[in-house]
N, C-alpha and C. Protein backbone atom coordinates (compact mmCIF):
# COMPACT_ATOMS: atom_id res chain seq x y z
N UNK A 1 114.63 40.27 -20.48
CA UNK A 1 114.07 41.70 -19.81
C UNK A 1 115.48 43.02 -20.52
N UNK A 2 115.43 43.62 -20.06
CA UNK A 2 116.35 44.61 -20.72
C UNK A 2 117.56 44.78 -18.82
N UNK A 3 118.22 45.39 -19.75
CA UNK A 3 119.97 45.69 -18.56
C UNK A 3 119.30 46.59 -17.53
N UNK A 4 118.88 48.01 -18.40
CA UNK A 4 117.52 48.53 -17.70
C UNK A 4 116.91 48.55 -16.61
N UNK A 5 115.66 47.28 -16.61
CA UNK A 5 114.59 46.20 -15.92
C UNK A 5 115.93 45.57 -14.75
N UNK A 6 117.17 45.28 -15.14
CA UNK A 6 117.56 44.32 -14.31
C UNK A 6 118.41 45.05 -13.31
N UNK A 7 118.43 46.33 -13.76
CA UNK A 7 120.00 46.73 -12.84
C UNK A 7 118.64 47.97 -11.14
N UNK A 8 117.72 48.29 -12.59
CA UNK A 8 115.76 47.92 -11.13
C UNK A 8 115.65 47.57 -10.70
N UNK A 9 115.22 45.91 -10.48
CA UNK A 9 114.94 45.20 -10.24
C UNK A 9 116.37 44.88 -9.11
N UNK A 10 117.61 45.21 -8.89
CA UNK A 10 118.13 45.02 -8.63
C UNK A 10 118.28 45.98 -6.99
N UNK A 11 117.85 47.22 -8.43
CA UNK A 11 118.01 47.94 -6.88
C UNK A 11 116.82 47.90 -5.33
N UNK A 12 116.23 47.41 -6.48
CA UNK A 12 114.47 47.84 -5.79
C UNK A 12 114.78 46.72 -4.57
N UNK A 13 115.92 45.17 -5.57
CA UNK A 13 115.72 43.85 -3.86
C UNK A 13 116.95 44.81 -2.46
N UNK A 14 117.22 45.44 -3.80
CA UNK A 14 117.97 46.24 -3.17
C UNK A 14 117.79 47.09 -1.11
N UNK A 15 116.52 47.60 -1.59
CA UNK A 15 116.30 48.70 -1.10
C UNK A 15 114.62 48.87 -0.25
N UNK A 16 113.91 47.82 -0.93
CA UNK A 16 113.29 47.70 -0.64
C UNK A 16 112.98 45.79 0.69
N UNK A 17 112.77 45.79 1.43
CA UNK A 17 113.17 44.28 2.28
C UNK A 17 112.02 43.67 1.78
N UNK A 18 111.00 44.17 2.59
CA UNK A 18 109.57 43.91 2.42
C UNK A 18 109.75 42.46 0.66
N UNK A 19 109.81 43.17 -0.30
CA UNK A 19 110.08 43.00 -1.51
C UNK A 19 111.02 42.09 -1.80
N UNK A 20 111.76 42.20 -1.52
CA UNK A 20 113.08 41.22 -1.01
C UNK A 20 112.43 40.35 -0.89
N UNK A 21 112.13 40.20 0.01
CA UNK A 21 111.94 38.40 1.03
C UNK A 21 110.46 38.00 0.44
N UNK A 22 109.72 38.42 -0.42
CA UNK A 22 108.83 37.85 -0.61
C UNK A 22 108.84 37.58 -1.97
N UNK A 23 110.33 38.27 -2.22
CA UNK A 23 110.55 37.29 -4.59
C UNK A 23 110.96 36.42 -3.60
N UNK A 24 112.02 36.31 -2.32
CA UNK A 24 113.26 35.23 -2.23
C UNK A 24 112.09 34.37 -2.01
N UNK A 25 111.38 34.55 -1.05
CA UNK A 25 110.11 33.43 0.03
C UNK A 25 109.61 31.73 -1.44
N UNK A 26 108.93 32.43 -2.89
CA UNK A 26 108.99 32.37 -4.19
C UNK A 26 110.14 30.85 -4.04
N UNK A 27 109.61 30.08 -4.18
CA UNK A 27 110.37 28.35 -4.81
C UNK A 27 110.38 28.08 -5.99
N UNK A 28 109.45 28.29 -7.14
CA UNK A 28 109.25 27.54 -7.95
C UNK A 28 109.01 29.56 -8.97
N UNK A 29 110.17 28.96 -9.85
CA UNK A 29 110.62 29.90 -11.00
C UNK A 29 109.10 30.90 -11.32
N UNK A 30 108.22 29.95 -11.84
CA UNK A 30 106.75 30.78 -12.20
C UNK A 30 106.60 31.77 -10.91
N UNK A 31 106.35 31.10 -10.53
CA UNK A 31 106.22 31.93 -9.64
C UNK A 31 105.70 33.22 -9.79
N UNK A 32 107.53 32.96 -9.14
CA UNK A 32 108.83 34.45 -8.56
C UNK A 32 108.75 35.14 -9.32
N UNK A 33 108.75 34.58 -11.07
CA UNK A 33 108.61 35.68 -12.13
C UNK A 33 107.42 36.70 -12.12
N UNK A 34 106.11 35.80 -11.56
CA UNK A 34 104.79 36.63 -12.00
C UNK A 34 104.16 37.42 -10.59
N UNK A 35 104.92 37.23 -9.85
CA UNK A 35 105.75 38.53 -8.25
C UNK A 35 106.12 38.95 -8.96
N UNK A 36 107.01 39.60 -9.54
CA UNK A 36 108.03 40.11 -10.25
C UNK A 36 107.44 41.27 -11.48
N UNK A 37 107.08 40.30 -12.05
CA UNK A 37 106.36 40.69 -13.35
C UNK A 37 104.37 41.80 -13.34
N UNK A 38 104.15 41.33 -11.39
CA UNK A 38 102.88 42.04 -10.88
C UNK A 38 103.74 43.72 -10.31
N UNK A 39 104.87 43.70 -10.16
CA UNK A 39 106.02 45.57 -9.77
C UNK A 39 105.88 46.03 -10.41
N UNK A 40 105.59 45.64 -12.31
CA UNK A 40 105.74 46.49 -12.90
C UNK A 40 106.94 45.86 -13.86
N UNK A 41 107.77 44.80 -13.64
CA UNK A 41 109.14 44.87 -14.76
C UNK A 41 108.99 43.26 -15.68
N UNK A 42 109.33 43.85 -16.12
CA UNK A 42 109.44 43.14 -17.54
C UNK A 42 110.29 41.99 -17.35
N UNK A 43 110.07 41.25 -17.43
CA UNK A 43 111.06 40.06 -17.62
C UNK A 43 110.71 38.76 -18.56
N UNK A 44 111.00 37.97 -18.29
CA UNK A 44 110.98 36.80 -19.00
C UNK A 44 112.25 35.86 -18.57
C-alpha cells in the first residue's frame, strides 16, 4: 500500500462511520483486507 493509499484509507475511516465500523468489526486480517480492497484501496 502506497503512502497516498494509506492516507486515503485513514481519511475514509475518519469520514465514513459506517465503513469504519464494518472494517473494525472484522477480526480476521485477510477478510478485513478483502473488504478494504473491495472499496478500491490497493493494500497488501
